[in-house]
Amino acid sequence: MNVNQAKTQEERDHIIKRHAALRNRAIGFSVLKHENASLRAELASLKKELEQFQGSEPSGAEPRGRQNGEPSIDTLDGVMAGLAKLAS
């Protein structure tokens, strides 16, 4: 219904409110559509990255802190060896 077809001020106000609500919904749709597209693209890239990790096997690397056969820094022996190295 057009505002010019309304017979009373109440009908005009009602029509204007309905038009404003429809316009606001239309504006919100484009924003949500853009957000949805960007989130889908991000999800696709993260899935692709995850597939790379799922297909790989753990490496046979030394545990954290072990370098050149030194004891791990997570153990008492490793801490004592590190202190002895600093003292000398």
PDB file of N, CA and C in Angstrom:
ATOM      1  N   MET A   1       0.840  -1.180   0.000  1.00  0.00           N
ATOM      2  CA  MET A   1       0.000   0.000   0.000  1.00  0.00           C
ATOM      3  C   MET A   1       0.884   1.242   0.000  1.00  0.00           C
ATOM      4  N   ASN A   2       0.459   2.257  -0.697  1.00  0.00           N
ATOM      5  CA  ASN A   2       1.194   3.492  -0.827  1.00  0.00           C
ATOM      6  C   ASN A   2       0.722   4.487   0.239  1.00  0.00           C
ATOM      7  N   VAL A   3       1.619   5.360   0.671  1.00  0.00           N
ATOM      8  CA  VAL A   3       1.270   6.358   1.685  1.00  0.00           C
ATOM      9  C   VAL A   3       0.180   7.287   1.166  1.00  0.00           C
ATOM     10  N   ASN A   4       0.199   7.569  -0.120  1.00  0.00           N
ATOM     11  CA  ASN A   4      -0.797   8.483  -0.700  1.00  0.00           C
ATOM     12  C   ASN A   4      -2.194   7.867  -0.719  1.00  0.00           C
ATOM     13  N   GLN A   5      -2.295   6.554  -0.610  1.00  0.00           N
ATOM     14  CA  GLN A   5      -3.598   5.895  -0.605  1.00  0.00           C
ATOM     15  C   GLN A   5      -4.231   5.879   0.774  1.00  0.00           C
ATOM     16  N   ALA A   6      -3.463   6.198   1.809  1.00  0.00           N
ATOM     17  CA  ALA A   6      -3.994   6.179   3.176  1.00  0.00           C
ATOM     18  C   ALA A   6      -4.991   7.316   3.357  1.00  0.00           C
ATOM     19  N   LYS A   7      -6.023   7.015   4.146  1.00  0.00           N
ATOM     20  CA  LYS A   7      -7.078   8.007   4.366  1.00  0.00           C
ATOM     21  C   LYS A   7      -6.883   8.770   5.665  1.00  0.00           C
ATOM     22  N   THR A   8      -6.269   8.149   6.643  1.00  0.00           N
ATOM     23  CA  THR A   8      -6.068   8.822   7.933  1.00  0.00           C
ATOM     24  C   THR A   8      -4.586   8.881   8.259  1.00  0.00           C
ATOM     25  N   GLN A   9      -4.269   9.699   9.243  1.00  0.00           N
ATOM     26  CA  GLN A   9      -2.871   9.818   9.681  1.00  0.00           C
ATOM     27  C   GLN A   9      -2.380   8.505  10.297  1.00  0.00           C
ATOM     28  N   GLU A  10      -3.239   7.792  10.981  1.00  0.00           N
ATOM     29  CA  GLU A  10      -2.872   6.509  11.581  1.00  0.00           C
ATOM     30  C   GLU A  10      -2.489   5.497  10.503  1.00  0.00           C
ATOM     31  N   GLU A  11      -3.240   5.459   9.412  1.00  0.00           N
ATOM     32  CA  GLU A  11      -2.909   4.554   8.312  1.00  0.00           C
ATOM     33  C   GLU A  11      -1.565   4.927   7.695  1.00  0.00           C
ATOM     34  N   ARG A  12      -1.308   6.233   7.550  1.00  0.00           N
ATOM     35  CA  ARG A  12      -0.027   6.684   7.005  1.00  0.00           C
ATOM     36  C   ARG A  12       1.125   6.250   7.917  1.00  0.00           C
ATOM     37  N   ASP A  13       0.952   6.453   9.211  1.00  0.00           N
ATOM     38  CA  ASP A  13       1.992   6.063  10.166  1.00  0.00           C
ATOM     39  C   ASP A  13       2.248   4.559  10.109  1.00  0.00           C
ATOM     40  N   HIS A  14       1.177   3.790  10.001  1.00  0.00           N
ATOM     41  CA  HIS A  14       1.304   2.337   9.934  1.00  0.00           C
ATOM     42  C   HIS A  14       2.046   1.916   8.655  1.00  0.00           C
ATOM     43  N   ILE A  15       1.729   2.523   7.545  1.00  0.00           N
ATOM     44  CA  ILE A  15       2.387   2.211   6.272  1.00  0.00           C
ATOM     45  C   ILE A  15       3.860   2.588   6.323  1.00  0.00           C
ATOM     46  N   ILE A  16       4.153   3.754   6.889  1.00  0.00           N
ATOM     47  CA  ILE A  16       5.547   4.200   6.983  1.00  0.00           C
ATOM     48  C   ILE A  16       6.356   3.250   7.856  1.00  0.00           C
ATOM     49  N   LYS A  17       5.781   2.803   8.967  1.00  0.00           N
ATOM     50  CA  LYS A  17       6.480   1.861   9.844  1.00  0.00           C
ATOM     51  C   LYS A  17       6.744   0.539   9.129  1.00  0.00           C
ATOM     52  N   ARG A  18       5.784   0.068   8.360  1.00  0.00           N
ATOM     53  CA  ARG A  18       5.966  -1.190   7.630  1.00  0.00           C
ATOM     54  C   ARG A  18       7.047  -1.046   6.558  1.00  0.00           C
ATOM     55  N   HIS A  19       7.047   0.093   5.859  1.00  0.00           N
ATOM     56  CA  HIS A  19       8.065   0.330   4.833  1.00  0.00           C
ATOM     57  C   HIS A  19       9.460   0.420   5.466  1.00  0.00           C
ATOM     58  N   ALA A  20       9.562   1.095   6.612  1.00  0.00           N
ATOM     59  CA  ALA A  20      10.850   1.220   7.305  1.00  0.00           C
ATOM     60  C   ALA A  20      11.344  -0.145   7.766  1.00  0.00           C
ATOM     61  N   ALA A  21      10.444  -0.967   8.289  1.00  0.00           N
ATOM     62  CA  ALA A  21      10.835  -2.305   8.740  1.00  0.00           C
ATOM     63  C   ALA A  21      11.322  -3.151   7.567  1.00  0.00           C
ATOM     64  N   LEU A  22      10.633  -3.063   6.450  1.00  0.00           N
ATOM     65  CA  LEU A  22      11.031  -3.819   5.257  1.00  0.00           C
ATOM     66  C   LEU A  22      12.388  -3.346   4.740  1.00  0.00           C
ATOM     67  N   ARG A  23      12.592  -2.047   4.730  1.00  0.00           N
ATOM     68  CA  ARG A  23      13.866  -1.489   4.271  1.00  0.00           C
ATOM     69  C   ARG A  23      15.005  -1.932   5.188  1.00  0.00           C
ATOM     70  N   ASN A  24      14.787  -1.891   6.498  1.00  0.00           N
ATOM     71  CA  ASN A  24      15.825  -2.301   7.443  1.00  0.00           C
ATOM     72  C   ASN A  24      16.174  -3.780   7.291  1.00  0.00           C
ATOM     73  N   ARG A  25      15.184  -4.611   7.037  1.00  0.00           N
ATOM     74  CA  ARG A  25      15.447  -6.037   6.823  1.00  0.00           C
ATOM     75  C   ARG A  25      16.264  -6.238   5.548  1.00  0.00           C
ATOM     76  N   ALA A  26      15.950  -5.477   4.512  1.00  0.00           N
ATOM     77  CA  ALA A  26      16.682  -5.601   3.245  1.00  0.00           C
ATOM     78  C   ALA A  26      18.136  -5.169   3.417  1.00  0.00           C
ATOM     79  N   ILE A  27      18.369  -4.105   4.162  1.00  0.00           N
ATOM     80  CA  ILE A  27      19.738  -3.638   4.407  1.00  0.00           C
ATOM     81  C   ILE A  27      20.499  -4.669   5.224  1.00  0.00           C
ATOM     82  N   GLY A  28      19.875  -5.218   6.242  1.00  0.00           N
ATOM     83  CA  GLY A  28      20.520  -6.224   7.081  1.00  0.00           C
ATOM     84  C   GLY A  28      20.872  -7.479   6.312  1.00  0.00           C
ATOM     85  N   PHE A  29      20.080  -7.838   5.318  1.00  0.00           N
ATOM     86  CA  PHE A  29      20.344  -9.043   4.529  1.00  0.00           C
ATOM     87  C   PHE A  29      21.667  -8.946   3.802  1.00  0.00           C
ATOM     88  N   SER A  30      21.950  -7.815   3.195  1.00  0.00           N
ATOM     89  CA  SER A  30      23.193  -7.694   2.433  1.00  0.00           C
ATOM     90  C   SER A  30      24.412  -7.768   3.356  1.00  0.00           C
ATOM     91  N   VAL A  31      24.305  -7.211   4.542  1.00  0.00           N
ATOM     92  CA  VAL A  31      25.412  -7.266   5.499  1.00  0.00           C
ATOM     93  C   VAL A  31      25.636  -8.711   5.941  1.00  0.00           C
ATOM     94  N   LEU A  32      24.559  -9.407   6.267  1.00  0.00           N
ATOM     95  CA  LEU A  32      24.673 -10.805   6.691  1.00  0.00           C
ATOM     96  C   LEU A  32      25.166 -11.700   5.563  1.00  0.00           C
ATOM     97  N   LYS A  33      24.769 -11.402   4.343  1.00  0.00           N
ATOM     98  CA  LYS A  33      25.227 -12.188   3.197  1.00  0.00           C
ATOM     99  C   LYS A  33      26.737 -12.040   3.031  1.00  0.00           C
ATOM    100  N   HIS A  34      27.239 -10.821   3.157  1.00  0.00           N
ATOM    101  CA  HIS A  34      28.678 -10.577   3.047  1.00  0.00           C
ATOM    102  C   HIS A  34      29.430 -11.281   4.177  1.00  0.00           C
ATOM    103  N   GLU A  35      28.935 -11.172   5.391  1.00  0.00           N
ATOM    104  CA  GLU A  35      29.576 -11.814   6.537  1.00  0.00           C
ATOM    105  C   GLU A  35      29.588 -13.338   6.364  1.00  0.00           C
ATOM    106  N   ASN A  36      28.490 -13.884   5.899  1.00  0.00           N
ATOM    107  CA  ASN A  36      28.390 -15.324   5.680  1.00  0.00           C
ATOM    108  C   ASN A  36      29.402 -15.784   4.637  1.00  0.00           C
ATOM    109  N   ALA A  37      29.549 -15.028   3.569  1.00  0.00           N
ATOM    110  CA  ALA A  37      30.497 -15.395   2.511  1.00  0.00           C
ATOM    111  C   ALA A  37      31.937 -15.365   3.033  1.00  0.00           C
ATOM    112  N   SER A  38      32.285 -14.353   3.812  1.00  0.00           N
ATOM    113  CA  SER A  38      33.652 -14.266   4.328  1.00  0.00           C
ATOM    114  C   SER A  38      33.923 -15.378   5.345  1.00  0.00           C
ATOM    115  N   LEU A  39      32.941 -15.724   6.160  1.00  0.00           N
ATOM    116  CA  LEU A  39      33.128 -16.807   7.122  1.00  0.00           C
ATOM    117  C   LEU A  39      33.256 -18.158   6.422  1.00  0.00           C
ATOM    118  N   ARG A  40      32.509 -18.354   5.350  1.00  0.00           N
ATOM    119  CA  ARG A  40      32.633 -19.602   4.590  1.00  0.00           C
ATOM    120  C   ARG A  40      34.019 -19.725   3.951  1.00  0.00           C
ATOM    121  N   ALA A  41      34.543 -18.619   3.445  1.00  0.00           N
ATOM    122  CA  ALA A  41      35.878 -18.638   2.843  1.00  0.00           C
ATOM    123  C   ALA A  41      36.938 -18.944   3.899  1.00  0.00           C
ATOM    124  N   GLU A  42      36.802 -18.344   5.068  1.00  0.00           N
ATOM    125  CA  GLU A  42      37.746 -18.603   6.156  1.00  0.00           C
ATOM    126  C   GLU A  42      37.666 -20.065   6.602  1.00  0.00           C
ATOM    127  N   LEU A  43      36.462 -20.591   6.711  1.00  0.00           N
ATOM    128  CA  LEU A  43      36.276 -21.987   7.095  1.00  0.00           C
ATOM    129  C   LEU A  43      36.909 -22.925   6.080  1.00  0.00           C
ATOM    130  N   ALA A  44      36.750 -22.635   4.811  1.00  0.00           N
ATOM    131  CA  ALA A  44      37.337 -23.481   3.767  1.00  0.00           C
ATOM    132  C   ALA A  44      38.859 -23.481   3.859  1.00  0.00           C
ATOM    133  N   SER A  45      39.454 -22.324   4.094  1.00  0.00           N
ATOM    134  CA  SER A  45      40.919 -22.267   4.192  1.00  0.00           C
ATOM    135  C   SER A  45      41.410 -23.000   5.437  1.00  0.00           C
ATOM    136  N   LEU A  46      40.679 -22.900   6.538  1.00  0.00           N
ATOM    137  CA  LEU A  46      41.074 -23.608   7.756  1.00  0.00           C
ATOM    138  C   LEU A  46      40.923 -25.122   7.604  1.00  0.00           C
ATOM    139  N   LYS A  47      39.887 -25.555   6.894  1.00  0.00           N
ATOM    140  CA  LYS A  47      39.721 -26.996   6.640  1.00  0.00           C
ATOM    141  C   LYS A  47      40.865 -27.516   5.783  1.00  0.00           C
ATOM    142  N   LYS A  48      41.260 -26.740   4.787  1.00  0.00           N
ATOM    143  CA  LYS A  48      42.361 -27.149   3.912  1.00  0.00           C
ATOM    144  C   LYS A  48      43.657 -27.264   4.711  1.00  0.00           C
ATOM    145  N   GLU A  49      43.901 -26.321   5.599  1.00  0.00           N
ATOM    146  CA  GLU A  49      45.094 -26.357   6.443  1.00  0.00           C
ATOM    147  C   GLU A  49      45.048 -27.545   7.401  1.00  0.00           C
ATOM    148  N   LEU A  50      43.881 -27.841   7.949  1.00  0.00           N
ATOM    149  CA  LEU A  50      43.725 -28.966   8.861  1.00  0.00           C
ATOM    150  C   LEU A  50      43.973 -30.292   8.149  1.00  0.00           C
ATOM    151  N   GLU A  51      43.555 -30.422   6.912  1.00  0.00           N
ATOM    152  CA  GLU A  51      43.778 -31.652   6.150  1.00  0.00           C
ATOM    153  C   GLU A  51      45.269 -31.929   5.971  1.00  0.00           C
ATOM    154  N   GLN A  52      46.071 -30.886   5.858  1.00  0.00           N
ATOM    155  CA  GLN A  52      47.514 -31.067   5.734  1.00  0.00           C
ATOM    156  C   GLN A  52      48.085 -31.699   6.996  1.00  0.00           C
ATOM    157  N   PHE A  53      47.601 -31.265   8.166  1.00  0.00           N
ATOM    158  CA  PHE A  53      48.091 -31.813   9.422  1.00  0.00           C
ATOM    159  C   PHE A  53      47.563 -33.214   9.672  1.00  0.00           C
ATOM    160  N   GLN A  54      46.346 -33.494   9.285  1.00  0.00           N
ATOM    161  CA  GLN A  54      45.772 -34.806   9.519  1.00  0.00           C
ATOM    162  C   GLN A  54      46.451 -35.871   8.681  1.00  0.00           C
ATOM    163  N   GLY A  55      46.958 -35.528   7.534  1.00  0.00           N
ATOM    164  CA  GLY A  55      47.612 -36.485   6.664  1.00  0.00           C
ATOM    165  C   GLY A  55      49.059 -36.752   7.033  1.00  0.00           C
ATOM    166  N   SER A  56      49.628 -35.979   7.948  1.00  0.00           N
ATOM    167  CA  SER A  56      51.037 -36.132   8.280  1.00  0.00           C
ATOM    168  C   SER A  56      51.205 -36.983   9.538  1.00  0.00           C
ATOM    169  N   GLU A  57      52.409 -37.512   9.680  1.00  0.00           N
ATOM    170  CA  GLU A  57      52.769 -38.316  10.847  1.00  0.00           C
ATOM    171  C   GLU A  57      53.634 -37.467  11.777  1.00  0.00           C
ATOM    172  N   PRO A  58      53.627 -37.772  13.085  1.00  0.00           N
ATOM    173  CA  PRO A  58      54.502 -37.039  14.000  1.00  0.00           C
ATOM    174  C   PRO A  58      55.967 -37.282  13.643  1.00  0.00           C
ATOM    175  N   SER A  59      56.765 -36.283  13.827  1.00  0.00           N
ATOM    176  CA  SER A  59      58.185 -36.418  13.500  1.00  0.00           C
ATOM    177  C   SER A  59      58.907 -37.124  14.645  1.00  0.00           C
ATOM    178  N   GLY A  60      60.077 -37.633  14.373  1.00  0.00           N
ATOM    179  CA  GLY A  60      60.870 -38.318  15.386  1.00  0.00           C
ATOM    180  C   GLY A  60      61.828 -37.373  16.077  1.00  0.00           C
ATOM    181  N   ALA A  61      61.463 -36.128  16.206  1.00  0.00           N
ATOM    182  CA  ALA A  61      62.340 -35.119  16.794  1.00  0.00           C
ATOM    183  C   ALA A  61      62.521 -35.366  18.288  1.00  0.00           C
ATOM    184  N   GLU A  62      63.571 -34.790  18.827  1.00  0.00           N
ATOM    185  CA  GLU A  62      63.851 -34.892  20.258  1.00  0.00           C
ATOM    186  C   GLU A  62      62.791 -34.113  21.048  1.00  0.00           C
ATOM    187  N   PRO A  63      62.531 -34.531  22.284  1.00  0.00           N
ATOM    188  CA  PRO A  63      61.582 -33.781  23.113  1.00  0.00           C
ATOM    189  C   PRO A  63      62.077 -32.365  23.356  1.00  0.00           C
ATOM    190  N   ARG A  64      61.181 -31.534  23.821  1.00  0.00           N
ATOM    191  CA  ARG A  64      61.487 -30.130  24.055  1.00  0.00           C
ATOM    192  C   ARG A  64      62.681 -29.989  25.001  1.00  0.00           C
ATOM    193  N   GLY A  65      63.592 -29.111  24.664  1.00  0.00           N
ATOM    194  CA  GLY A  65      64.727 -28.831  25.523  1.00  0.00           C
ATOM    195  C   GLY A  65      65.944 -29.693  25.232  1.00  0.00           C
ATOM    196  N   ARG A  66      65.809 -30.748  24.470  1.00  0.00           N
ATOM    197  CA  ARG A  66      66.949 -31.623  24.167  1.00  0.00           C
ATOM    198  C   ARG A  66      67.626 -31.139  22.901  1.00  0.00           C
ATOM    199  N   GLN A  67      68.854 -30.800  23.061  1.00  0.00           N
ATOM    200  CA  GLN A  67      69.647 -30.387  21.908  1.00  0.00           C
ATOM    201  C   GLN A  67      71.036 -31.000  22.052  1.00  0.00           C
ATOM    202  N   ASN A  68      71.502 -31.626  21.029  1.00  0.00           N
ATOM    203  CA  ASN A  68      72.831 -32.231  21.015  1.00  0.00           C
ATOM    204  C   ASN A  68      73.004 -33.252  22.138  1.00  0.00           C
ATOM    205  N   GLY A  69      71.979 -34.010  22.453  1.00  0.00           N
ATOM    206  CA  GLY A  69      72.085 -35.059  23.452  1.00  0.00           C
ATOM    207  C   GLY A  69      72.011 -34.569  24.886  1.00  0.00           C
ATOM    208  N   GLU A  70      71.772 -33.288  25.118  1.00  0.00           N
ATOM    209  CA  GLU A  70      71.669 -32.770  26.480  1.00  0.00           C
ATOM    210  C   GLU A  70      70.375 -33.253  27.122  1.00  0.00           C
ATOM    211  N   PRO A  71      70.346 -33.385  28.456  1.00  0.00           N
ATOM    212  CA  PRO A  71      69.117 -33.791  29.133  1.00  0.00           C
ATOM    213  C   PRO A  71      68.023 -32.737  28.971  1.00  0.00           C
ATOM    214  N   SER A  72      66.792 -33.177  29.123  1.00  0.00           N
ATOM    215  CA  SER A  72      65.652 -32.284  28.963  1.00  0.00           C
ATOM    216  C   SER A  72      65.596 -31.278  30.106  1.00  0.00           C
ATOM    217  N   ILE A  73      65.176 -30.066  29.809  1.00  0.00           N
ATOM    218  CA  ILE A  73      65.081 -29.049  30.851  1.00  0.00           C
ATOM    219  C   ILE A  73      63.854 -29.261  31.731  1.00  0.00           C
ATOM    220  N   ASP A  74      63.023 -30.222  31.394  1.00  0.00           N
ATOM    221  CA  ASP A  74      61.841 -30.513  32.198  1.00  0.00           C
ATOM    222  C   ASP A  74      62.146 -31.472  33.347  1.00  0.00           C
ATOM    223  N   THR A  75      63.348 -32.017  33.408  1.00  0.00           N
ATOM    224  CA  THR A  75      63.694 -32.961  34.463  1.00  0.00           C
ATOM    225  C   THR A  75      64.711 -32.323  35.409  1.00  0.00           C
ATOM    226  N   LEU A  76      64.868 -32.924  36.585  1.00  0.00           N
ATOM    227  CA  LEU A  76      65.829 -32.419  37.563  1.00  0.00           C
ATOM    228  C   LEU A  76      67.251 -32.538  37.032  1.00  0.00           C
ATOM    229  N   ASP A  77      67.529 -33.632  36.349  1.00  0.00           N
ATOM    230  CA  ASP A  77      68.867 -33.802  35.775  1.00  0.00           C
ATOM    231  C   ASP A  77      69.160 -32.715  34.752  1.00  0.00           C
ATOM    232  N   GLY A  78      68.180 -32.375  33.974  1.00  0.00           N
ATOM    233  CA  GLY A  78      68.362 -31.336  32.974  1.00  0.00           C
ATOM    234  C   GLY A  78      68.600 -29.982  33.595  1.00  0.00           C
ATOM    235  N   VAL A  79      67.878 -29.684  34.657  1.00  0.00           N
ATOM    236  CA  VAL A  79      68.054 -28.400  35.353  1.00  0.00           C
ATOM    237  C   VAL A  79      69.431 -28.340  35.985  1.00  0.00           C
ATOM    238  N   MET A  80      69.854 -29.436  36.629  1.00  0.00           N
ATOM    239  CA  MET A  80      71.167 -29.459  37.274  1.00  0.00           C
ATOM    240  C   MET A  80      72.275 -29.317  36.225  1.00  0.00           C
ATOM    241  N   ALA A  81      72.105 -29.964  35.078  1.00  0.00           N
ATOM    242  CA  ALA A  81      73.109 -29.842  34.021  1.00  0.00           C
ATOM    243  C   ALA A  81      73.162 -28.414  33.499  1.00  0.00           C
ATOM    244  N   GLY A  82      72.018 -27.782  33.376  1.00  0.00           N
ATOM    245  CA  GLY A  82      71.988 -26.392  32.928  1.00  0.00           C
ATOM    246  C   GLY A  82      72.654 -25.454  33.910  1.00  0.00           C
ATOM    247  N   LEU A  83      72.425 -25.692  35.218  1.00  0.00           N
ATOM    248  CA  LEU A  83      73.085 -24.867  36.238  1.00  0.00           C
ATOM    249  C   LEU A  83      74.589 -25.085  36.252  1.00  0.00           C
ATOM    250  N   ALA A  84      74.998 -26.345  36.077  1.00  0.00           N
ATOM    251  CA  ALA A  84      76.436 -26.626  36.044  1.00  0.00           C
ATOM    252  C   ALA A  84      77.077 -25.961  34.841  1.00  0.00           C
ATOM    253  N   LYS A  85      76.359 -25.923  33.735  1.00  0.00           N
ATOM    254  CA  LYS A  85      76.887 -25.291  32.534  1.00  0.00           C
ATOM    255  C   LYS A  85      77.027 -23.782  32.736  1.00  0.00           C
ATOM    256  N   LEU A  86      76.065 -23.184  33.443  1.00  0.00           N
ATOM    257  CA  LEU A  86      76.133 -21.748  33.705  1.00  0.00           C
ATOM    258  C   LEU A  86      77.242 -21.425  34.705  1.00  0.00           C
ATOM    259  N   ALA A  87      77.486 -22.322  35.659  1.00  0.00           N
ATOM    260  CA  ALA A  87      78.501 -22.074  36.695  1.00  0.00           C
ATOM    261  C   ALA A  87      79.900 -22.145  36.120  1.00  0.00           C
ATOM    262  N   SER A  88      80.095 -22.908  35.074  1.00  0.00           N
ATOM    263  CA  SER A  88      81.447 -23.052  34.540  1.00  0.00           C
ATOM    264  C   SER A  88      81.789 -22.020  33.515  1.00  0.00           C
TER     265      SER A  88
END
